[in-house]
Amino acid sequence: MVSGMIAVSGGRWSAYLILALFIASMIAVSVVTSKKSSSLDGFLLGNRGIGGWMSAFGYGTTYFSAVVFIGYAGTFGMSLGLGAVWIGIANAVVGSLLAWIVLAKRTRDMTQQLDAKTMPEFFEKRYDDKGLKLYSAIVIAFFIIPYCTSVYQGIGYIIEAVLGIPFVWSVVIMAVLVGAYLFIGGFFANAVSNFIQGIIMLIGVVIMITLMLKAPEVNGIEGLNKLIDSGYGFFPSAVSPTEHWFDAPAVQLIFNILLTSVGIWAVPQSVQKFYAIKNDRAITQGTVISFVFALLVGGGAYFNGSLARLFYPEMPLEGTANIIPNILLSNSLMNYAVLGFICVLVLSASMSTLSSLSLVSASSIGVDIYKGYIKKDAEDKKVKILVRILCFVFVILSAVFAILEVDAIVTLMSLSWGTLAGCFIGPYVYGLYLKKSNKYGAYASITGCLVTTLVLIFVFGDIMGATTFGQYLSLGIKKSPMIGVFCMAESLIITPVASIIGEKIEELIKSKKAIA
């Protein structure tokens, strides 16, 4: 799957050695921290005792995965040039700094008061409706899988490029590693390893950008000026290359900024990081650290992707999935030791994301569905075992879809992220701050956004010229970033409106019954 000339020097053994050391350290962390996961609360939330540094790094490493470094960076680097950097900056300001200021303390306090371990459990207790717990748990379990699949695809591409291991085996190896690591360690292992992975990501991004700027194709400021002069500067064109307004680079930039920077406010794998924060001091500390981390890592990833145009003046026929691995391999300043470290950088970002996603999915079924509905008197010990097994099941299932190469990295991530954020942003944010927000608004948001997602997929498919059912799906899903933003706006509007209407109808029904 790797194309182009390989200019990397040195022996591949050094990359293998670095990867082996990384894997060994992650396994060691999971074994050493396994005692912290003896209870269900410990396995899911680390006994709500996670400090500021680990919380911030956990949030950041979950935010930025292989999808960003390989998928988004390559795709938007090619289409937007230096303008892609604005996505990383917005992720830091809106998706990290503002999200922590608005959500962290409120989420921690309310979930502790309600004794809620998961987002569906928060909805159940906040809105006093058990059906809402089941409904949201099913939605989470279903839509987390495409996101996991996209992360595995990104991992597979970079490992195949750097180590020469076939894509399929790269995905299989990582699936087994992540599954075993989660099965043994749980949330606390995830938090500790996130801290280690975060340090690796920070160092790796600095090394990667430094060597990319020194590459002959870039040559520092000269390359940046070349991008600006060729129309790929910091301010993308508002002119669409097609007859559709939404294909304009500036429009794509705006929608992807909104999707990735606002959407994180309601995706369960990120929100759950706030549940486990130790105290107010840790929240203050985590707010600053999270912002700096996102600015360096997110901004760095997109800046690196923006240089892709200097290596590929024209869009490759095979698409953008392998652009980042290919430009790394074609950089004569790289050696396999450095590439091994960059590979570990992507794996660090991806493992933290995958473990968070798998924990959220598994807890949705194990805690919210099994203990919540199927066997309400189930002991926490048995539920914990079930959640551990489900973590492994979700990891394997996502890996299978990745091996089958179901759709593209960016498309899958955007669909999952946009749908989950659209369904939950209204019920979650209003649930924290608006007392009058109720179950009617929550049900309307989730149902409305699911219907809107499906309808818009076919609408965009039709606009793009689809003629068959398969084309309607494939072409429509490619517009997932726009669909996700529309759904988030719908949720923020429909949640309070439906809450008011639902309450009025309920009062009317009660008054009629009282008269009767």
Protein backbone atom coordinates (compact mmCIF):
# COMPACT_ATOMS: atom_id res chain seq x y z
CA MET A 1 0.00 0.00 0.00
CA VAL A 2 3.05 2.27 0.22
CA SER A 3 3.98 4.07 -2.96
CA GLY A 4 6.77 6.40 -3.99
CA MET A 5 10.52 6.37 -3.44
CA ILE A 6 11.84 5.36 -0.02
CA ALA A 7 14.66 7.70 1.02
CA VAL A 8 14.97 6.51 4.63
CA SER A 9 18.39 5.37 5.77
CA GLY A 10 19.47 2.90 8.43
CA GLY A 11 18.27 -0.55 9.44
CA ARG A 12 14.63 -1.34 10.15
CA TRP A 13 15.68 -3.22 13.25
CA SER A 14 15.90 0.08 15.17
CA ALA A 15 12.23 0.82 14.43
CA TYR A 16 11.28 -2.70 15.54
CA LEU A 17 13.27 -2.26 18.77
CA ILE A 18 11.54 1.04 19.62
CA LEU A 19 8.12 -0.50 18.92
CA ALA A 20 8.96 -3.56 21.06
CA LEU A 21 10.04 -1.35 23.98
CA PHE A 22 6.83 0.65 23.69
CA ILE A 23 4.64 -2.46 23.67
CA ALA A 24 6.50 -3.93 26.64
CA SER A 25 6.07 -0.71 28.63
CA MET A 26 2.32 -0.61 27.93
CA ILE A 27 1.88 -4.21 29.04
CA ALA A 28 3.93 -3.49 32.18
CA VAL A 29 1.73 -0.50 33.00
CA SER A 30 -1.45 -2.56 32.67
CA VAL A 31 -0.08 -5.33 34.92
CA VAL A 32 1.27 -2.97 37.60
CA THR A 33 -1.96 -0.93 37.73
CA SER A 34 -4.33 -3.92 37.62
CA LYS A 35 -4.84 -3.75 41.39
CA LYS A 36 -6.45 -0.33 40.94
CA SER A 37 -9.15 -2.02 38.86
CA SER A 38 -10.34 -4.48 41.48
CA SER A 39 -13.76 -2.81 41.72
CA LEU A 40 -16.19 -1.82 38.96
CA ASP A 41 -15.76 1.87 39.82
CA GLY A 42 -12.00 1.41 39.73
CA PHE A 43 -12.10 -0.35 36.37
CA LEU A 44 -14.34 2.29 34.76
CA LEU A 45 -13.23 5.51 36.50
CA GLY A 46 -10.03 4.83 38.45
CA ASN A 47 -11.98 5.37 41.70
CA ARG A 48 -12.44 9.04 40.65
CA GLY A 49 -8.94 9.89 41.85
CA ILE A 50 -7.14 10.99 38.68
CA GLY A 51 -4.94 14.09 38.99
CA GLY A 52 -4.71 17.11 36.69
CA TRP A 53 -1.76 16.02 34.58
CA MET A 54 -3.10 12.54 33.89
CA SER A 55 -6.63 13.84 33.27
CA ALA A 56 -5.38 16.44 30.80
CA PHE A 57 -3.11 14.01 28.97
CA GLY A 58 -5.92 11.44 28.94
CA TYR A 59 -8.28 13.97 27.38
CA GLY A 60 -5.67 15.05 24.83
CA THR A 61 -4.49 11.60 23.82
CA THR A 62 -8.10 10.49 23.39
CA TYR A 63 -8.79 13.61 21.29
CA PHE A 64 -5.88 13.09 18.86
CA SER A 65 -5.42 9.63 17.37
CA ALA A 66 -4.16 8.07 14.13
CA VAL A 67 -7.29 9.52 12.52
CA VAL A 68 -5.84 13.01 13.03
CA PHE A 69 -2.17 12.26 12.33
CA ILE A 70 -2.78 10.05 9.28
CA GLY A 71 -6.34 10.69 8.04
CA TYR A 72 -7.30 14.26 8.79
CA ALA A 73 -3.78 15.69 8.47
CA GLY A 74 -3.27 14.14 5.04
CA THR A 75 -6.75 14.80 3.70
CA PHE A 76 -7.09 18.41 4.82
CA GLY A 77 -3.42 19.17 4.33
CA MET A 78 -3.87 18.36 0.65
CA SER A 79 -7.18 20.19 0.23
CA LEU A 80 -6.59 23.20 2.50
CA GLY A 81 -2.82 23.60 2.72
CA LEU A 82 -1.71 25.77 5.67
CA GLY A 83 -5.38 26.56 6.34
CA ALA A 84 -5.66 23.13 7.98
CA VAL A 85 -3.68 24.52 10.93
CA TRP A 86 -6.80 26.49 11.97
CA ILE A 87 -8.46 23.16 12.82
CA GLY A 88 -5.70 22.39 15.33
CA ILE A 89 -5.86 25.89 16.83
CA ALA A 90 -9.66 25.69 17.20
CA ASN A 91 -9.31 22.23 18.76
CA ALA A 92 -7.04 23.76 21.40
CA VAL A 93 -9.14 26.86 22.13
CA VAL A 94 -12.71 25.54 21.78
CA GLY A 95 -12.30 21.78 22.03
CA SER A 96 -9.90 21.84 24.99
CA LEU A 97 -9.65 25.15 26.88
CA LEU A 98 -13.31 26.21 26.61
CA ALA A 99 -14.59 22.64 27.04
CA TRP A 100 -12.68 22.25 30.30
CA ILE A 101 -13.83 25.66 31.59
CA VAL A 102 -17.51 24.99 30.82
CA LEU A 103 -17.82 21.24 31.40
CA ALA A 104 -15.13 19.78 33.67
CA LYS A 105 -16.18 20.92 37.17
CA ARG A 106 -19.90 20.74 36.45
CA THR A 107 -19.57 17.22 35.03
CA ARG A 108 -17.42 15.97 37.89
CA ASP A 109 -19.74 17.39 40.57
CA MET A 110 -23.00 16.21 38.99
CA THR A 111 -21.82 12.69 38.14
CA GLN A 112 -20.55 12.27 41.70
CA GLN A 113 -23.83 13.52 43.16
CA LEU A 114 -25.83 11.22 40.87
CA ASP A 115 -23.32 8.35 41.24
CA ALA A 116 -23.22 8.04 37.44
CA LYS A 117 -20.38 6.05 35.90
CA THR A 118 -21.37 6.43 32.24
CA MET A 119 -23.12 8.95 30.01
CA PRO A 120 -26.28 6.79 29.65
CA GLU A 121 -26.38 6.45 33.45
CA PHE A 122 -26.05 10.22 33.75
CA PHE A 123 -29.02 10.66 31.38
CA GLU A 124 -31.08 8.13 33.34
CA LYS A 125 -30.50 9.79 36.71
CA ARG A 126 -30.52 13.39 35.52
CA TYR A 127 -33.77 12.99 33.57
CA ASP A 128 -35.30 10.28 35.80
CA ASP A 129 -36.01 7.94 32.89
CA LYS A 130 -34.62 4.40 32.55
CA GLY A 131 -35.63 4.13 28.89
CA LEU A 132 -33.29 7.00 28.08
CA LYS A 133 -30.40 5.01 29.51
CA LEU A 134 -31.11 2.06 27.23
CA TYR A 135 -31.68 4.24 24.19
CA SER A 136 -28.45 6.21 24.56
CA ALA A 137 -26.43 3.09 25.41
CA ILE A 138 -27.50 1.40 22.16
CA VAL A 139 -26.63 4.50 20.13
CA ILE A 140 -23.18 4.72 21.74
CA ALA A 141 -22.39 1.03 21.29
CA PHE A 142 -23.40 1.16 17.62
CA PHE A 143 -21.65 4.37 16.55
CA ILE A 144 -18.41 3.87 18.48
CA ILE A 145 -17.45 0.98 16.18
CA PRO A 146 -16.93 3.12 13.02
CA TYR A 147 -14.65 5.42 15.00
CA CYS A 148 -12.56 2.50 16.29
CA THR A 149 -12.39 1.13 12.75
CA SER A 150 -11.00 4.42 11.43
CA VAL A 151 -8.31 4.44 14.15
CA TYR A 152 -7.22 0.91 13.27
CA GLN A 153 -6.96 1.85 9.61
CA GLY A 154 -4.64 4.74 10.50
CA ILE A 155 -2.49 2.44 12.65
CA GLY A 156 -2.35 -0.18 9.91
CA TYR A 157 -1.15 2.31 7.29
CA ILE A 158 1.69 3.75 9.39
CA ILE A 159 2.96 0.38 10.67
CA GLU A 160 2.90 -1.10 7.17
CA ALA A 161 4.81 1.90 5.82
CA VAL A 162 7.48 2.05 8.54
CA LEU A 163 7.93 -1.59 9.54
CA GLY A 164 6.89 -3.36 6.38
CA ILE A 165 4.36 -5.52 8.25
CA PRO A 166 1.31 -6.18 6.01
CA PHE A 167 -1.71 -4.00 6.81
CA VAL A 168 -3.83 -6.94 7.99
CA TRP A 169 -1.22 -8.21 10.45
CA SER A 170 -0.53 -4.67 11.69
CA VAL A 171 -4.20 -4.31 12.62
CA VAL A 172 -4.35 -7.78 14.20
CA ILE A 173 -1.27 -7.19 16.36
CA MET A 174 -2.57 -3.86 17.62
CA ALA A 175 -6.04 -5.29 18.30
CA VAL A 176 -4.60 -8.06 20.46
CA LEU A 177 -2.35 -5.58 22.28
CA VAL A 178 -5.12 -3.06 23.01
CA GLY A 179 -7.56 -5.82 23.99
CA ALA A 180 -5.15 -7.46 26.42
CA TYR A 181 -4.01 -4.10 27.83
CA LEU A 182 -7.61 -3.08 28.55
CA PHE A 183 -8.69 -6.47 29.86
CA ILE A 184 -5.95 -6.39 32.47
CA GLY A 185 -5.74 -2.74 33.47
CA GLY A 186 -8.94 -0.78 32.91
CA PHE A 187 -9.30 3.00 33.38
CA PHE A 188 -6.34 3.57 35.72
CA ALA A 189 -3.98 1.72 33.39
CA ASN A 190 -5.40 3.84 30.62
CA ALA A 191 -4.76 7.04 32.62
CA VAL A 192 -1.16 6.17 33.48
CA SER A 193 -0.33 5.03 29.97
CA ASN A 194 -2.03 8.16 28.57
CA PHE A 195 0.49 10.23 30.51
CA ILE A 196 3.40 8.27 29.06
CA GLN A 197 1.84 8.33 25.61
CA GLY A 198 1.24 12.07 25.88
CA ILE A 199 4.93 12.73 26.54
CA ILE A 200 5.83 10.55 23.54
CA MET A 201 3.35 12.49 21.38
CA LEU A 202 4.79 15.88 22.42
CA ILE A 203 8.38 14.84 21.71
CA GLY A 204 7.39 13.03 18.51
CA VAL A 205 5.51 16.01 17.06
CA VAL A 206 8.49 18.32 17.64
CA ILE A 207 10.89 15.86 15.98
CA MET A 208 8.53 15.24 13.05
CA ILE A 209 7.94 18.92 12.30
CA THR A 210 11.63 19.81 12.66
CA LEU A 211 12.71 17.15 10.15
CA MET A 212 9.84 17.94 7.78
CA LEU A 213 10.77 21.63 7.70
CA LYS A 214 14.37 20.69 6.92
CA ALA A 215 13.36 18.33 4.09
CA PRO A 216 14.54 19.48 0.61
CA GLU A 217 10.91 19.57 -0.58
CA VAL A 218 10.04 22.09 2.14
CA ASN A 219 13.27 23.95 2.95
CA GLY A 220 11.77 25.93 5.82
CA ILE A 221 10.22 29.33 5.08
CA GLU A 222 10.76 28.82 1.36
CA GLY A 223 8.26 25.95 1.32
CA LEU A 224 5.70 27.88 3.35
CA ASN A 225 5.94 30.82 0.95
CA LYS A 226 5.53 28.42 -1.94
CA LEU A 227 2.30 27.08 -0.42
CA ILE A 228 0.97 30.60 0.09
CA ASP A 229 1.87 31.65 -3.47
CA SER A 230 0.18 28.56 -4.94
CA GLY A 231 -3.12 29.30 -3.18
CA TYR A 232 -2.67 26.94 -0.20
CA GLY A 233 -1.94 29.52 2.46
CA PHE A 234 -3.57 30.15 5.81
CA PHE A 235 -6.81 31.44 4.31
CA PRO A 236 -8.42 28.88 1.96
CA SER A 237 -10.39 29.93 -1.09
CA ALA A 238 -14.14 30.51 -0.80
CA VAL A 239 -14.56 29.50 -4.45
CA SER A 240 -15.84 25.95 -4.96
CA PRO A 241 -14.01 23.78 -7.52
CA THR A 242 -17.38 22.17 -8.29
CA GLU A 243 -20.90 23.50 -8.75
CA HIS A 244 -21.67 22.81 -5.08
CA TRP A 245 -21.06 25.58 -2.52
CA PHE A 246 -20.17 23.09 0.20
CA ASP A 247 -17.08 21.93 -1.74
CA ALA A 248 -15.37 25.32 -1.33
CA PRO A 249 -12.16 24.90 0.75
CA ALA A 250 -13.18 27.68 3.17
CA VAL A 251 -16.55 26.01 3.76
CA GLN A 252 -14.88 22.63 4.36
CA LEU A 253 -12.58 24.28 6.88
CA ILE A 254 -15.44 25.89 8.82
CA PHE A 255 -17.47 22.68 9.04
CA ASN A 256 -14.48 20.59 10.14
CA ILE A 257 -13.54 23.16 12.77
CA LEU A 258 -17.09 23.03 14.16
CA LEU A 259 -17.28 19.23 14.00
CA THR A 260 -13.98 18.51 15.74
CA SER A 261 -13.92 21.46 18.17
CA VAL A 262 -17.55 21.55 19.34
CA GLY A 263 -18.34 17.86 18.84
CA ILE A 264 -15.88 16.79 21.53
CA TRP A 265 -18.12 18.50 24.10
CA ALA A 266 -20.54 15.58 23.86
CA VAL A 267 -18.70 12.46 22.66
CA PRO A 268 -18.78 10.03 25.61
CA GLN A 269 -15.13 8.89 25.42
CA SER A 270 -13.92 12.45 26.09
CA VAL A 271 -16.64 13.56 28.52
CA GLN A 272 -15.97 10.54 30.72
CA LYS A 273 -12.48 11.91 31.46
CA PHE A 274 -14.17 14.62 33.55
CA TYR A 275 -15.97 12.02 35.71
CA ALA A 276 -12.73 10.76 37.20
CA ILE A 277 -10.94 14.02 38.09
CA LYS A 278 -9.73 14.07 41.67
CA ASN A 279 -10.58 17.62 42.86
CA ASP A 280 -10.99 21.29 41.87
CA ARG A 281 -7.24 21.90 41.91
CA ALA A 282 -6.78 19.09 39.41
CA ILE A 283 -9.45 20.66 37.18
CA THR A 284 -7.65 24.04 37.16
CA GLN A 285 -4.36 22.33 36.43
CA GLY A 286 -5.87 20.11 33.76
CA THR A 287 -7.52 23.06 31.98
CA VAL A 288 -4.17 24.74 31.29
CA ILE A 289 -2.28 21.54 30.47
CA SER A 290 -5.01 20.30 28.14
CA PHE A 291 -4.93 23.57 26.16
CA VAL A 292 -1.14 23.57 25.76
CA PHE A 293 -1.12 19.87 24.83
CA ALA A 294 -3.83 20.32 22.19
CA LEU A 295 -2.12 23.40 20.73
CA LEU A 296 1.20 21.60 20.33
CA VAL A 297 -0.04 18.17 19.29
CA GLY A 298 -3.18 19.08 17.33
CA GLY A 299 -1.68 22.18 15.75
CA GLY A 300 1.51 20.26 15.01
CA ALA A 301 -0.31 17.37 13.36
CA TYR A 302 -2.26 19.63 11.02
CA PHE A 303 0.80 21.79 10.27
CA ASN A 304 2.70 18.64 9.30
CA GLY A 305 -0.20 17.58 7.07
CA SER A 306 -0.28 21.01 5.41
CA LEU A 307 3.20 20.34 4.01
CA ALA A 308 1.87 17.40 1.98
CA ARG A 309 1.25 19.66 -1.03
CA LEU A 310 5.00 20.25 -1.32
CA PHE A 311 5.55 16.52 -1.70
CA TYR A 312 2.41 15.90 -3.78
CA PRO A 313 1.59 18.90 -6.01
CA GLU A 314 -1.39 16.90 -7.33
CA MET A 315 -3.86 14.69 -5.45
CA PRO A 316 -2.66 11.04 -5.67
CA LEU A 317 -4.95 8.71 -7.62
CA GLU A 318 -5.10 6.28 -4.70
CA GLY A 319 -6.39 9.02 -2.38
CA THR A 320 -5.00 10.55 0.80
CA ALA A 321 -4.91 7.58 3.19
CA ASN A 322 -1.16 6.96 2.71
CA ILE A 323 0.07 10.50 2.10
CA ILE A 324 1.56 11.07 5.56
CA PRO A 325 3.38 7.70 5.73
CA ASN A 326 4.69 8.26 2.20
CA ILE A 327 6.05 11.75 2.79
CA LEU A 328 7.78 10.52 5.95
CA LEU A 329 9.44 7.70 4.00
CA SER A 330 10.45 10.00 1.17
CA ASN A 331 12.20 12.43 3.55
CA SER A 332 15.95 11.84 3.15
CA LEU A 333 16.58 13.28 6.63
CA MET A 334 14.61 10.50 8.29
CA ASN A 335 16.10 7.25 9.54
CA TYR A 336 14.33 4.16 10.81
CA ALA A 337 15.03 5.01 14.45
CA VAL A 338 13.22 8.35 14.04
CA LEU A 339 10.45 6.72 12.02
CA GLY A 340 10.10 4.09 14.74
CA PHE A 341 9.58 6.87 17.27
CA ILE A 342 7.02 8.58 15.00
CA CYS A 343 5.28 5.23 14.58
CA VAL A 344 5.13 4.96 18.38
CA LEU A 345 3.77 8.53 18.44
CA VAL A 346 0.83 7.47 16.25
CA LEU A 347 0.36 4.27 18.25
CA SER A 348 0.35 6.26 21.50
CA ALA A 349 -2.37 8.53 20.22
CA SER A 350 -4.34 5.59 18.87
CA MET A 351 -4.06 3.22 21.83
CA SER A 352 -5.39 5.84 24.21
CA THR A 353 -8.29 6.61 21.89
CA LEU A 354 -9.09 2.95 21.26
CA SER A 355 -8.99 2.07 24.95
CA SER A 356 -11.29 4.99 25.81
CA LEU A 357 -13.70 4.11 23.00
CA SER A 358 -13.74 0.44 23.96
CA LEU A 359 -14.33 1.23 27.64
CA VAL A 360 -17.26 3.48 26.72
CA SER A 361 -18.79 0.87 24.40
CA ALA A 362 -18.30 -2.01 26.81
CA SER A 363 -19.70 -0.08 29.77
CA SER A 364 -22.74 0.92 27.68
CA ILE A 365 -23.63 -2.74 27.24
CA GLY A 366 -22.29 -4.19 30.50
CA VAL A 367 -23.41 -1.50 32.96
CA ASP A 368 -26.22 0.32 31.19
CA ILE A 369 -27.93 -2.55 29.37
CA TYR A 370 -26.99 -5.80 31.18
CA LYS A 371 -27.04 -4.53 34.79
CA GLY A 372 -29.61 -1.84 34.01
CA TYR A 373 -32.20 -4.09 32.33
CA ILE A 374 -31.27 -7.74 31.87
CA LYS A 375 -29.97 -8.62 35.35
CA LYS A 376 -30.49 -5.73 37.72
CA ASP A 377 -29.17 -7.62 40.75
CA ALA A 378 -25.91 -8.62 39.07
CA GLU A 379 -22.87 -8.28 41.33
CA ASP A 380 -20.31 -5.63 40.42
CA LYS A 381 -17.66 -8.33 40.22
CA LYS A 382 -19.55 -10.16 37.47
CA VAL A 383 -20.37 -6.93 35.65
CA LYS A 384 -16.69 -6.00 35.72
CA ILE A 385 -15.76 -9.34 34.14
CA LEU A 386 -18.41 -8.83 31.46
CA VAL A 387 -17.15 -5.31 30.71
CA ARG A 388 -13.60 -6.63 30.40
CA ILE A 389 -14.72 -9.29 27.93
CA LEU A 390 -16.78 -6.76 25.98
CA CYS A 391 -13.76 -4.45 25.72
CA PHE A 392 -11.93 -7.23 23.92
CA VAL A 393 -14.97 -7.99 21.73
CA PHE A 394 -15.29 -4.36 20.60
CA VAL A 395 -11.57 -4.19 19.86
CA ILE A 396 -11.70 -7.32 17.68
CA LEU A 397 -14.92 -6.32 15.92
CA SER A 398 -13.52 -2.90 15.00
CA ALA A 399 -10.30 -4.52 13.78
CA VAL A 400 -12.27 -6.83 11.49
CA PHE A 401 -14.04 -3.87 9.87
CA ALA A 402 -10.67 -2.14 9.48
CA ILE A 403 -9.19 -5.21 7.77
CA LEU A 404 -12.16 -5.27 5.40
CA GLU A 405 -11.28 -1.59 4.76
CA VAL A 406 -14.86 -0.43 5.20
CA ASP A 407 -14.89 3.11 3.75
CA ALA A 408 -12.22 5.74 4.45
CA ILE A 409 -10.60 6.87 7.69
CA VAL A 410 -11.92 10.42 7.74
CA THR A 411 -15.41 9.40 6.60
CA LEU A 412 -15.86 6.78 9.34
CA MET A 413 -14.54 9.06 12.07
CA SER A 414 -16.72 11.97 10.93
CA LEU A 415 -19.85 9.79 10.80
CA SER A 416 -19.32 8.39 14.29
CA TRP A 417 -18.21 11.66 15.88
CA GLY A 418 -20.91 13.77 14.22
CA THR A 419 -23.77 11.41 15.04
CA LEU A 420 -22.82 10.95 18.70
CA ALA A 421 -22.17 14.66 19.22
CA GLY A 422 -25.41 15.55 17.44
CA CYS A 423 -27.50 13.17 19.53
CA PHE A 424 -26.02 14.12 22.90
CA ILE A 425 -24.72 17.70 22.92
CA GLY A 426 -28.12 19.21 23.76
CA PRO A 427 -29.17 16.72 26.47
CA TYR A 428 -25.68 16.71 28.00
CA VAL A 429 -24.82 20.43 28.09
CA TYR A 430 -28.36 21.59 28.97
CA GLY A 431 -28.54 18.74 31.47
CA LEU A 432 -25.60 20.27 33.31
CA TYR A 433 -26.89 23.84 33.36
CA LEU A 434 -30.60 24.08 32.52
CA LYS A 435 -32.94 22.81 35.25
CA LYS A 436 -35.95 22.83 32.93
CA SER A 437 -34.26 20.51 30.46
CA ASN A 438 -36.11 17.19 30.67
CA LYS A 439 -36.46 13.73 29.15
CA TYR A 440 -38.69 14.95 26.32
CA GLY A 441 -35.93 17.20 25.05
CA ALA A 442 -33.39 14.39 25.38
CA TYR A 443 -35.52 11.88 23.46
CA ALA A 444 -36.27 14.49 20.77
CA SER A 445 -32.58 15.28 20.35
CA ILE A 446 -31.42 11.67 20.00
CA THR A 447 -34.29 10.60 17.73
CA GLY A 448 -34.25 13.79 15.67
CA CYS A 449 -30.51 13.61 15.02
CA LEU A 450 -30.61 9.92 14.03
CA VAL A 451 -33.39 10.67 11.55
CA THR A 452 -31.63 13.81 10.28
CA THR A 453 -28.37 11.90 9.76
CA LEU A 454 -30.11 9.24 7.69
CA VAL A 455 -32.13 11.76 5.65
CA LEU A 456 -29.12 14.00 4.93
CA ILE A 457 -27.02 11.06 3.80
CA PHE A 458 -29.54 10.40 1.05
CA VAL A 459 -30.04 14.12 0.31
CA PHE A 460 -26.31 14.65 -0.21
CA GLY A 461 -26.11 11.39 -2.13
CA ASP A 462 -28.76 12.70 -4.49
CA ILE A 463 -27.01 16.06 -4.86
CA MET A 464 -23.76 14.26 -5.70
CA GLY A 465 -25.49 12.32 -8.50
CA ALA A 466 -26.08 8.91 -6.92
CA THR A 467 -28.22 6.46 -8.88
CA THR A 468 -28.06 3.28 -6.77
CA PHE A 469 -28.67 2.61 -3.08
CA GLY A 470 -24.98 1.88 -2.53
CA GLN A 471 -23.97 5.16 -4.20
CA TYR A 472 -26.47 7.12 -2.10
CA LEU A 473 -24.85 5.72 1.04
CA SER A 474 -21.21 6.05 -0.01
CA LEU A 475 -21.52 9.54 -1.49
CA GLY A 476 -23.80 10.84 1.25
CA ILE A 477 -21.62 9.57 4.10
CA LYS A 478 -18.66 11.46 2.64
CA LYS A 479 -20.45 14.63 3.74
CA SER A 480 -20.49 13.45 7.37
CA PRO A 481 -18.69 16.57 8.70
CA MET A 482 -21.51 18.79 7.43
CA ILE A 483 -24.18 16.35 8.57
CA GLY A 484 -22.65 16.23 12.06
CA VAL A 485 -22.62 20.02 12.38
CA PHE A 486 -26.25 20.27 11.24
CA CYS A 487 -27.19 17.64 13.84
CA MET A 488 -25.37 19.46 16.65
CA ALA A 489 -27.20 22.68 15.79
CA GLU A 490 -30.48 20.75 15.69
CA SER A 491 -29.80 19.22 19.11
CA LEU A 492 -29.04 22.58 20.72
CA ILE A 493 -32.30 23.98 19.35
CA ILE A 494 -34.63 21.02 19.71
CA THR A 495 -33.65 19.99 23.27
CA PRO A 496 -34.99 23.10 25.09
CA VAL A 497 -37.94 23.49 22.70
CA ALA A 498 -39.05 19.85 23.07
CA SER A 499 -38.51 20.08 26.84
CA ILE A 500 -40.96 22.99 27.08
CA ILE A 501 -43.53 21.41 24.74
CA GLY A 502 -43.25 18.00 26.42
CA GLU A 503 -43.74 19.52 29.87
CA LYS A 504 -46.82 21.47 28.71
CA ILE A 505 -48.36 18.36 27.18
CA GLU A 506 -47.65 16.38 30.35
CA GLU A 507 -49.30 19.07 32.48
CA LEU A 508 -52.31 19.14 30.15
CA ILE A 509 -52.74 15.37 30.36
CA LYS A 510 -52.47 15.43 34.16
CA SER A 511 -55.06 18.22 34.44
CA LYS A 512 -57.49 16.32 32.21
CA LYS A 513 -57.04 13.18 34.29
CA ALA A 514 -57.63 15.18 37.48
CA ILE A 515 -60.87 16.60 36.05
CA ALA A 516 -62.01 13.15 34.94
